[in-house]
Structure formats: structure tokens, C-alpha cells
PDB file of N, CA and C in Angstrom:
ATOM      1  N   MET A   1      22.434  63.093 128.021  1.00  0.00           N
ATOM      2  CA  MET A   1      22.122  61.926 127.111  1.00  0.00           C
ATOM      3  C   MET A   1      22.923  62.169 125.552  1.00  0.00           C
ATOM      4  N   VAL A   2      22.705  63.646 124.998  1.00  0.00           N
ATOM      5  CA  VAL A   2      23.219  64.212 123.847  1.00  0.00           C
ATOM      6  C   VAL A   2      24.779  63.664 123.209  1.00  0.00           C
ATOM      7  N   VAL A   3      25.643  63.933 124.687  1.00  0.00           N
ATOM      8  CA  VAL A   3      26.629  63.846 124.894  1.00  0.00           C
ATOM      9  C   VAL A   3      27.668  62.593 124.979  1.00  0.00           C
ATOM     10  N   VAL A   4      26.711  61.759 125.451  1.00  0.00           N
ATOM     11  CA  VAL A   4      27.097  60.066 125.733  1.00  0.00           C
ATOM     12  C   VAL A   4      26.597  59.743 124.188  1.00  0.00           C
ATOM     13  N   GLU A   5      25.460  60.108 123.731  1.00  0.00           N
ATOM     14  CA  GLU A   5      25.710  59.674 122.406  1.00  0.00           C
ATOM     15  C   GLU A   5      26.731  59.662 120.884  1.00  0.00           C
ATOM     16  N   SER A   6      26.826  60.662 121.684  1.00  0.00           N
ATOM     17  CA  SER A   6      28.019  61.400 120.411  1.00  0.00           C
ATOM     18  C   SER A   6      29.486  60.733 120.470  1.00  0.00           C
ATOM     19  N   LEU A   7      29.743  60.552 121.817  1.00  0.00           N
ATOM     20  CA  LEU A   7      30.754  60.085 122.064  1.00  0.00           C
ATOM     21  C   LEU A   7      30.576  58.291 121.642  1.00  0.00           C
ATOM     22  N   ALA A   8      29.639  57.793 121.933  1.00  0.00           N
ATOM     23  CA  ALA A   8      29.043  56.519 121.401  1.00  0.00           C
ATOM     24  C   ALA A   8      29.474  55.810 119.777  1.00  0.00           C
ATOM     25  N   CYS A   9      29.022  57.192 119.028  1.00  0.00           N
ATOM     26  CA  CYS A   9      29.313  57.016 117.920  1.00  0.00           C
ATOM     27  C   CYS A   9      30.661  57.919 117.680  1.00  0.00           C
ATOM     28  N   GLY A  10      31.226  58.100 118.405  1.00  0.00           N
ATOM     29  CA  GLY A  10      33.155  58.230 117.981  1.00  0.00           C
ATOM     30  C   GLY A  10      33.263  59.743 117.253  1.00  0.00           C
ATOM     31  N   THR A  11      32.329  60.541 117.821  1.00  0.00           N
ATOM     32  CA  THR A  11      32.466  61.962 117.612  1.00  0.00           C
ATOM     33  C   THR A  11      32.715  62.836 118.938  1.00  0.00           C
ATOM     34  N   PRO A  12      33.909  63.620 119.027  1.00  0.00           N
ATOM     35  CA  PRO A  12      34.327  63.888 120.049  1.00  0.00           C
ATOM     36  C   PRO A  12      33.141  65.301 120.130  1.00  0.00           C
ATOM     37  N   VAL A  13      33.220  65.703 121.218  1.00  0.00           N
ATOM     38  CA  VAL A  13      31.880  66.675 121.650  1.00  0.00           C
ATOM     39  C   VAL A  13      32.731  68.359 121.777  1.00  0.00           C
ATOM     40  N   VAL A  14      31.814  68.898 121.320  1.00  0.00           N
ATOM     41  CA  VAL A  14      32.360  70.636 121.416  1.00  0.00           C
ATOM     42  C   VAL A  14      30.989  70.693 122.342  1.00  0.00           C
ATOM     43  N   ALA A  15      31.307  71.420 123.361  1.00  0.00           N
ATOM     44  CA  ALA A  15      29.962  71.750 124.533  1.00  0.00           C
ATOM     45  C   ALA A  15      30.737  73.147 125.594  1.00  0.00           C
ATOM     46  N   LEU A  16      29.701  73.867 125.737  1.00  0.00           N
ATOM     47  CA  LEU A  16      29.979  74.778 126.530  1.00  0.00           C
ATOM     48  C   LEU A  16      30.419  74.443 128.049  1.00  0.00           C
ATOM     49  N   LYS A  17      31.302  75.418 128.680  1.00  0.00           N
ATOM     50  CA  LYS A  17      31.867  75.001 129.812  1.00  0.00           C
ATOM     51  C   LYS A  17      31.141  75.519 130.987  1.00  0.00           C
ATOM     52  N   ALA A  18      30.443  74.695 131.383  1.00  0.00           N
ATOM     53  CA  ALA A  18      29.190  74.990 132.696  1.00  0.00           C
ATOM     54  C   ALA A  18      29.412  74.611 134.037  1.00  0.00           C
ATOM     55  N   GLU A  19      29.640  75.568 134.905  1.00  0.00           N
ATOM     56  CA  GLU A  19      29.324  75.263 136.496  1.00  0.00           C
ATOM     57  C   GLU A  19      28.729  73.915 137.329  1.00  0.00           C
ATOM     58  N   GLY A  20      29.599  72.965 136.893  1.00  0.00           N
ATOM     59  CA  GLY A  20      29.095  71.803 137.605  1.00  0.00           C
ATOM     60  C   GLY A  20      27.772  70.917 136.620  1.00  0.00           C
ATOM     61  N   GLY A  21      27.750  69.625 137.090  1.00  0.00           N
ATOM     62  CA  GLY A  21      26.908  68.815 135.936  1.00  0.00           C
ATOM     63  C   GLY A  21      27.334  68.572 134.601  1.00  0.00           C
ATOM     64  N   GLY A  22      26.401  67.790 134.119  1.00  0.00           N
ATOM     65  CA  GLY A  22      26.021  68.614 132.607  1.00  0.00           C
ATOM     66  C   GLY A  22      27.407  67.503 131.788  1.00  0.00           C
ATOM     67  N   PRO A  23      28.013  67.982 130.544  1.00  0.00           N
ATOM     68  CA  PRO A  23      29.010  67.946 129.590  1.00  0.00           C
ATOM     69  C   PRO A  23      30.376  67.422 130.458  1.00  0.00           C
ATOM     70  N   ASN A  24      30.338  68.823 131.167  1.00  0.00           N
ATOM     71  CA  ASN A  24      31.489  68.769 132.321  1.00  0.00           C
ATOM     72  C   ASN A  24      32.130  67.627 132.962  1.00  0.00           C
ATOM     73  N   GLU A  25      30.942  66.657 133.397  1.00  0.00           N
ATOM     74  CA  GLU A  25      31.088  65.500 134.091  1.00  0.00           C
ATOM     75  C   GLU A  25      31.556  64.452 133.185  1.00  0.00           C
ATOM     76  N   ILE A  26      31.384  64.642 131.923  1.00  0.00           N
ATOM     77  CA  ILE A  26      31.374  63.684 130.733  1.00  0.00           C
ATOM     78  C   ILE A  26      32.581  63.892 129.538  1.00  0.00           C
ATOM     79  N   VAL A  27      32.911  65.009 129.408  1.00  0.00           N
ATOM     80  CA  VAL A  27      33.838  65.068 128.576  1.00  0.00           C
ATOM     81  C   VAL A  27      35.210  65.458 129.156  1.00  0.00           C
ATOM     82  N   THR A  28      36.229  65.267 128.853  1.00  0.00           N
ATOM     83  CA  THR A  28      37.624  65.368 128.936  1.00  0.00           C
ATOM     84  C   THR A  28      37.989  66.184 128.089  1.00  0.00           C
ATOM     85  N   HIS A  29      37.859  67.572 128.686  1.00  0.00           N
ATOM     86  CA  HIS A  29      38.805  68.426 127.083  1.00  0.00           C
ATOM     87  C   HIS A  29      40.183  67.786 126.941  1.00  0.00           C
ATOM     88  N   GLY A  30      40.254  67.913 125.372  1.00  0.00           N
ATOM     89  CA  GLY A  30      41.447  67.975 124.610  1.00  0.00           C
ATOM     90  C   GLY A  30      41.553  66.428 124.516  1.00  0.00           C
ATOM     91  N   GLU A  31      40.891  65.353 125.307  1.00  0.00           N
ATOM     92  CA  GLU A  31      40.773  63.926 124.958  1.00  0.00           C
ATOM     93  C   GLU A  31      39.940  63.356 124.337  1.00  0.00           C
ATOM     94  N   ASP A  32      38.564  63.452 124.659  1.00  0.00           N
ATOM     95  CA  ASP A  32      37.506  63.106 123.703  1.00  0.00           C
ATOM     96  C   ASP A  32      36.320  64.125 123.419  1.00  0.00           C
ATOM     97  N   GLY A  33      37.090  65.552 123.587  1.00  0.00           N
ATOM     98  CA  GLY A  33      35.861  66.574 122.816  1.00  0.00           C
ATOM     99  C   GLY A  33      36.296  67.946 123.893  1.00  0.00           C
ATOM    100  N   PHE A  34      35.676  68.782 123.648  1.00  0.00           N
ATOM    101  CA  PHE A  34      36.393  70.084 124.138  1.00  0.00           C
ATOM    102  C   PHE A  34      35.162  70.836 124.795  1.00  0.00           C
ATOM    103  N   LEU A  35      35.577  71.319 126.039  1.00  0.00           N
ATOM    104  CA  LEU A  35      34.764  72.415 126.791  1.00  0.00           C
ATOM    105  C   LEU A  35      35.297  73.821 126.645  1.00  0.00           C
ATOM    106  N   VAL A  36      34.253  74.777 126.012  1.00  0.00           N
ATOM    107  CA  VAL A  36      35.006  75.623 125.678  1.00  0.00           C
ATOM    108  C   VAL A  36      34.005  77.100 126.043  1.00  0.00           C
ATOM    109  N   HIS A  37      34.179  78.006 126.074  1.00  0.00           N
ATOM    110  CA  HIS A  37      33.224  79.585 126.174  1.00  0.00           C
ATOM    111  C   HIS A  37      32.543  79.679 124.881  1.00  0.00           C
ATOM    112  N   ALA A  38      31.575  80.230 124.811  1.00  0.00           N
ATOM    113  CA  ALA A  38      30.954  80.461 124.001  1.00  0.00           C
ATOM    114  C   ALA A  38      31.486  81.159 123.067  1.00  0.00           C
ATOM    115  N   ASP A  39      32.120  81.811 123.436  1.00  0.00           N
ATOM    116  CA  ASP A  39      33.046  83.002 121.932  1.00  0.00           C
ATOM    117  C   ASP A  39      33.774  82.058 121.273  1.00  0.00           C
ATOM    118  N   GLN A  40      34.701  80.610 121.876  1.00  0.00           N
ATOM    119  CA  GLN A  40      35.585  80.117 121.150  1.00  0.00           C
ATOM    120  C   GLN A  40      35.092  78.672 120.347  1.00  0.00           C
ATOM    121  N   ILE A  41      33.846  78.810 120.576  1.00  0.00           N
ATOM    122  CA  ILE A  41      32.706  77.793 119.647  1.00  0.00           C
ATOM    123  C   ILE A  41      33.697  77.731 118.143  1.00  0.00           C
ATOM    124  N   GLY A  42      33.646  78.382 117.516  1.00  0.00           N
ATOM    125  CA  GLY A  42      34.052  78.693 115.984  1.00  0.00           C
ATOM    126  C   GLY A  42      35.475  78.651 115.964  1.00  0.00           C
ATOM    127  N   ARG A  43      36.220  79.375 116.456  1.00  0.00           N
ATOM    128  CA  ARG A  43      37.618  78.987 116.792  1.00  0.00           C
ATOM    129  C   ARG A  43      38.185  77.635 117.214  1.00  0.00           C
ATOM    130  N   THR A  44      37.276  76.777 117.875  1.00  0.00           N
ATOM    131  CA  THR A  44      37.834  75.366 117.995  1.00  0.00           C
ATOM    132  C   THR A  44      37.159  74.441 117.211  1.00  0.00           C
ATOM    133  N   LEU A  45      36.365  74.822 116.704  1.00  0.00           N
ATOM    134  CA  LEU A  45      35.867  73.509 115.572  1.00  0.00           C
ATOM    135  C   LEU A  45      36.506  74.025 114.379  1.00  0.00           C
ATOM    136  N   LEU A  46      37.733  75.492 114.031  1.00  0.00           N
ATOM    137  CA  LEU A  46      38.025  75.756 112.834  1.00  0.00           C
ATOM    138  C   LEU A  46      39.771  74.515 113.160  1.00  0.00           C
ATOM    139  N   GLN A  47      40.398  75.058 114.655  1.00  0.00           N
ATOM    140  CA  GLN A  47      41.266  74.092 115.231  1.00  0.00           C
ATOM    141  C   GLN A  47      41.486  72.941 114.865  1.00  0.00           C
ATOM    142  N   ALA A  48      40.206  72.199 115.564  1.00  0.00           N
ATOM    143  CA  ALA A  48      39.918  70.458 115.104  1.00  0.00           C
ATOM    144  C   ALA A  48      39.775  70.401 113.531  1.00  0.00           C
ATOM    145  N   LEU A  49      39.359  71.188 112.989  1.00  0.00           N
ATOM    146  CA  LEU A  49      39.253  70.829 111.538  1.00  0.00           C
ATOM    147  C   LEU A  49      40.605  70.574 110.496  1.00  0.00           C
ATOM    148  N   GLU A  50      41.556  71.411 111.045  1.00  0.00           N
ATOM    149  CA  GLU A  50      43.016  71.383 111.071  1.00  0.00           C
ATOM    150  C   GLU A  50      44.070  70.674 111.215  1.00  0.00           C
ATOM    151  N   GLN A  51      43.655  69.766 112.219  1.00  0.00           N
ATOM    152  CA  GLN A  51      44.426  68.561 113.169  1.00  0.00           C
ATOM    153  C   GLN A  51      43.590  67.323 112.994  1.00  0.00           C
ATOM    154  N   PRO A  52      44.215  66.642 111.784  1.00  0.00           N
ATOM    155  CA  PRO A  52      42.923  65.557 111.504  1.00  0.00           C
ATOM    156  C   PRO A  52      43.566  64.350 112.002  1.00  0.00           C
ATOM    157  N   GLU A  53      44.756  64.324 112.567  1.00  0.00           N
ATOM    158  CA  GLU A  53      45.292  63.485 113.203  1.00  0.00           C
ATOM    159  C   GLU A  53      44.795  63.219 114.361  1.00  0.00           C
ATOM    160  N   ALA A  54      44.898  64.437 115.335  1.00  0.00           N
ATOM    161  CA  ALA A  54      44.722  64.885 116.470  1.00  0.00           C
ATOM    162  C   ALA A  54      42.737  64.078 116.957  1.00  0.00           C
ATOM    163  N   MET A  55      42.129  64.600 115.744  1.00  0.00           N
ATOM    164  CA  MET A  55      40.674  64.166 115.680  1.00  0.00           C
ATOM    165  C   MET A  55      40.860  62.607 115.441  1.00  0.00           C
ATOM    166  N   ALA A  56      41.346  62.076 115.081  1.00  0.00           N
ATOM    167  CA  ALA A  56      41.179  60.404 114.700  1.00  0.00           C
ATOM    168  C   ALA A  56      41.781  59.795 116.245  1.00  0.00           C
ATOM    169  N   ARG A  57      42.560  60.382 116.772  1.00  0.00           N
ATOM    170  CA  ARG A  57      42.679  60.212 117.942  1.00  0.00           C
ATOM    171  C   ARG A  57      41.686  60.366 119.339  1.00  0.00           C
ATOM    172  N   MET A  58      40.855  61.249 119.276  1.00  0.00           N
ATOM    173  CA  MET A  58      40.058  61.804 120.076  1.00  0.00           C
ATOM    174  C   MET A  58      38.058  61.336 119.277  1.00  0.00           C
ATOM    175  N   ARG A  59      38.434  60.678 118.600  1.00  0.00           N
ATOM    176  CA  ARG A  59      37.386  59.520 118.075  1.00  0.00           C
ATOM    177  C   ARG A  59      37.658  58.270 119.114  1.00  0.00           C
ATOM    178  N   LEU A  60      38.448  57.249 118.563  1.00  0.00           N
ATOM    179  CA  LEU A  60      38.898  56.461 119.303  1.00  0.00           C
ATOM    180  C   LEU A  60      38.852  56.637 120.822  1.00  0.00           C
ATOM    181  N   ALA A  61      39.409  57.658 121.186  1.00  0.00           N
ATOM    182  CA  ALA A  61      38.761  57.880 122.671  1.00  0.00           C
ATOM    183  C   ALA A  61      37.783  57.977 123.018  1.00  0.00           C
ATOM    184  N   ALA A  62      36.467  58.441 122.253  1.00  0.00           N
ATOM    185  CA  ALA A  62      35.606  58.879 122.616  1.00  0.00           C
ATOM    186  C   ALA A  62      34.802  57.660 122.881  1.00  0.00           C
ATOM    187  N   ARG A  63      35.051  57.039 121.702  1.00  0.00           N
ATOM    188  CA  ARG A  63      34.231  55.844 121.460  1.00  0.00           C
ATOM    189  C   ARG A  63      34.293  54.908 122.404  1.00  0.00           C
ATOM    190  N   ARG A  64      35.672  54.618 123.241  1.00  0.00           N
ATOM    191  CA  ARG A  64      36.226  54.027 124.442  1.00  0.00           C
ATOM    192  C   ARG A  64      35.396  54.278 125.596  1.00  0.00           C
ATOM    193  N   LYS A  65      35.366  55.340 125.604  1.00  0.00           N
ATOM    194  CA  LYS A  65      34.788  56.337 127.096  1.00  0.00           C
ATOM    195  C   LYS A  65      33.721  55.654 127.125  1.00  0.00           C
ATOM    196  N   ALA A  66      32.553  55.452 125.513  1.00  0.00           N
ATOM    197  CA  ALA A  66      31.210  55.363 125.794  1.00  0.00           C
ATOM    198  C   ALA A  66      30.984  54.028 126.528  1.00  0.00           C
ATOM    199  N   VAL A  67      31.903  52.817 125.740  1.00  0.00           N
ATOM    200  CA  VAL A  67      32.031  51.417 125.409  1.00  0.00           C
ATOM    201  C   VAL A  67      32.181  51.191 127.195  1.00  0.00           C
ATOM    202  N   GLU A  68      33.434  51.861 127.572  1.00  0.00           N
ATOM    203  CA  GLU A  68      33.915  51.610 129.170  1.00  0.00           C
ATOM    204  C   GLU A  68      33.354  52.334 130.133  1.00  0.00           C
ATOM    205  N   GLN A  69      32.225  53.189 130.110  1.00  0.00           N
ATOM    206  CA  GLN A  69      31.831  53.885 131.040  1.00  0.00           C
ATOM    207  C   GLN A  69      30.204  54.155 131.227  1.00  0.00           C
ATOM    208  N   TYR A  70      29.383  53.989 129.781  1.00  0.00           N
ATOM    209  CA  TYR A  70      27.956  54.280 129.516  1.00  0.00           C
ATOM    210  C   TYR A  70      27.375  52.938 128.803  1.00  0.00           C
ATOM    211  N   SER A  71      27.932  52.358 128.689  1.00  0.00           N
ATOM    212  CA  SER A  71      27.247  51.063 127.974  1.00  0.00           C
ATOM    213  C   SER A  71      26.197  50.310 128.812  1.00  0.00           C
ATOM    214  N   ILE A  72      25.126  49.601 128.260  1.00  0.00           N
ATOM    215  CA  ILE A  72      24.156  49.252 129.134  1.00  0.00           C
ATOM    216  C   ILE A  72      24.791  48.517 129.924  1.00  0.00           C
ATOM    217  N   GLY A  73      25.437  47.508 129.703  1.00  0.00           N
ATOM    218  CA  GLY A  73      25.866  46.759 131.006  1.00  0.00           C
ATOM    219  C   GLY A  73      26.564  47.674 132.176  1.00  0.00           C
ATOM    220  N   VAL A  74      27.162  48.544 131.890  1.00  0.00           N
ATOM    221  CA  VAL A  74      27.871  48.810 133.067  1.00  0.00           C
ATOM    222  C   VAL A  74      26.796  49.890 133.432  1.00  0.00           C
ATOM    223  N   THR A  75      26.396  50.994 132.917  1.00  0.00           N
ATOM    224  CA  THR A  75      25.233  51.345 133.476  1.00  0.00           C
ATOM    225  C   THR A  75      23.825  50.743 134.475  1.00  0.00           C
ATOM    226  N   GLN A  76      23.749  49.194 133.778  1.00  0.00           N
ATOM    227  CA  GLN A  76      22.859  48.642 134.223  1.00  0.00           C
ATOM    228  C   GLN A  76      23.386  48.082 135.631  1.00  0.00           C
ATOM    229  N   SER A  77      24.942  47.583 135.743  1.00  0.00           N
ATOM    230  CA  SER A  77      25.044  47.133 136.767  1.00  0.00           C
ATOM    231  C   SER A  77      25.554  48.146 138.223  1.00  0.00           C
ATOM    232  N   ALA A  78      25.938  49.310 137.568  1.00  0.00           N
ATOM    233  CA  ALA A  78      25.685  50.674 138.603  1.00  0.00           C
ATOM    234  C   ALA A  78      24.389  50.426 139.557  1.00  0.00           C
ATOM    235  N   PHE A  79      23.416  50.664 138.741  1.00  0.00           N
ATOM    236  CA  PHE A  79      21.880  50.625 139.067  1.00  0.00           C
ATOM    237  C   PHE A  79      21.637  49.979 140.057  1.00  0.00           C
ATOM    238  N   PHE A  80      21.951  48.577 139.472  1.00  0.00           N
ATOM    239  CA  PHE A  80      21.463  47.239 140.888  1.00  0.00           C
ATOM    240  C   PHE A  80      22.720  47.827 141.855  1.00  0.00           C
ATOM    241  N   ASP A  81      23.511  48.065 141.674  1.00  0.00           N
ATOM    242  CA  ASP A  81      24.681  48.066 142.940  1.00  0.00           C
ATOM    243  C   ASP A  81      23.658  49.172 143.323  1.00  0.00           C
ATOM    244  N   ILE A  82      23.227  50.168 143.135  1.00  0.00           N
ATOM    245  CA  ILE A  82      22.483  51.387 144.451  1.00  0.00           C
ATOM    246  C   ILE A  82      21.397  50.598 144.577  1.00  0.00           C
ATOM    247  N   VAL A  83      20.548  50.505 143.789  1.00  0.00           N
ATOM    248  CA  VAL A  83      19.131  49.796 144.247  1.00  0.00           C
ATOM    249  C   VAL A  83      19.613  48.850 145.773  1.00  0.00           C
ATOM    250  N   SER A  84      20.325  47.935 145.479  1.00  0.00           N
ATOM    251  CA  SER A  84      20.606  46.566 146.086  1.00  0.00           C
ATOM    252  C   SER A  84      21.221  47.353 147.759  1.00  0.00           C
ATOM    253  N   GLU A  85      22.534  48.392 147.480  1.00  0.00           N
ATOM    254  CA  GLU A  85      22.415  49.507 148.652  1.00  0.00           C
ATOM    255  C   GLU A  85      21.213  50.085 149.195  1.00  0.00           C
ATOM    256  N   ALA A  86      20.403  50.723 148.517  1.00  0.00           N
ATOM    257  CA  ALA A  86      19.259  51.173 149.130  1.00  0.00           C
ATOM    258  C   ALA A  86      18.336  50.180 149.907  1.00  0.00           C
ATOM    259  N   THR A  87      18.498  49.041 149.418  1.00  0.00           N
ATOM    260  CA  THR A  87      17.056  48.253 150.133  1.00  0.00           C
ATOM    261  C   THR A  87      17.884  47.388 151.054  1.00  0.00           C
ATOM    262  N   HIS A  88      19.210  47.345 151.029  1.00  0.00           N
ATOM    263  CA  HIS A  88      19.835  45.900 152.031  1.00  0.00           C
ATOM    264  C   HIS A  88      21.215  46.688 152.758  1.00  0.00           C
ATOM    265  N   PRO A  89      20.425  47.606 153.756  1.00  0.00           N
ATOM    266  CA  PRO A  89      21.748  48.852 153.971  1.00  0.00           C
ATOM    267  C   PRO A  89      22.435  47.994 155.393  1.00  0.00           C
TER     268      PRO A  89
END
């Protein structure tokens, strides 16, 4: 949830790579955030601060992803589709 909230605020995410699920399913590395190993967090943050133009593009991509994939209308529609399929086979 925090990852999607961050994207909605136009804040690129720095998250730990994990096996399946979580941020890996939401963040696109290098596009709207970074998926890194624990020992890469500091270096990744410093590199991001040194590239303001790239970060500006990532902020826009983060916000766009949140609106297009996780807004209330999108999630509500997906939920109703699932319920409809489950109750009307």
C-alpha cells in the first residue's frame, strides 16, 4: 500500500528486491522507482540525487502509473469484475 501511495504522490520508490510479490509487482525499475539489494540503497539514492532530469521523468511516470493502474475507479472496476465472475460462472 505504501508503494502505491508513494507513486500517487509522484515520488519514485526505492524498494528492496524480493522474491515475488510486494514492490516487485508494482515498481518498474528505472522507470518509476528502483528495486535494489539492501547494500545498494545508499548508492542508489545518491545517484538519483545527481540526476534531477531523470528523477523528474520518474516522478511523472510514478504519478501516471498510480492514476492509470491503482486509482479508485480502476480498482473498483476490477473488484466488481472479479465478484461478477465468481457469482455468475
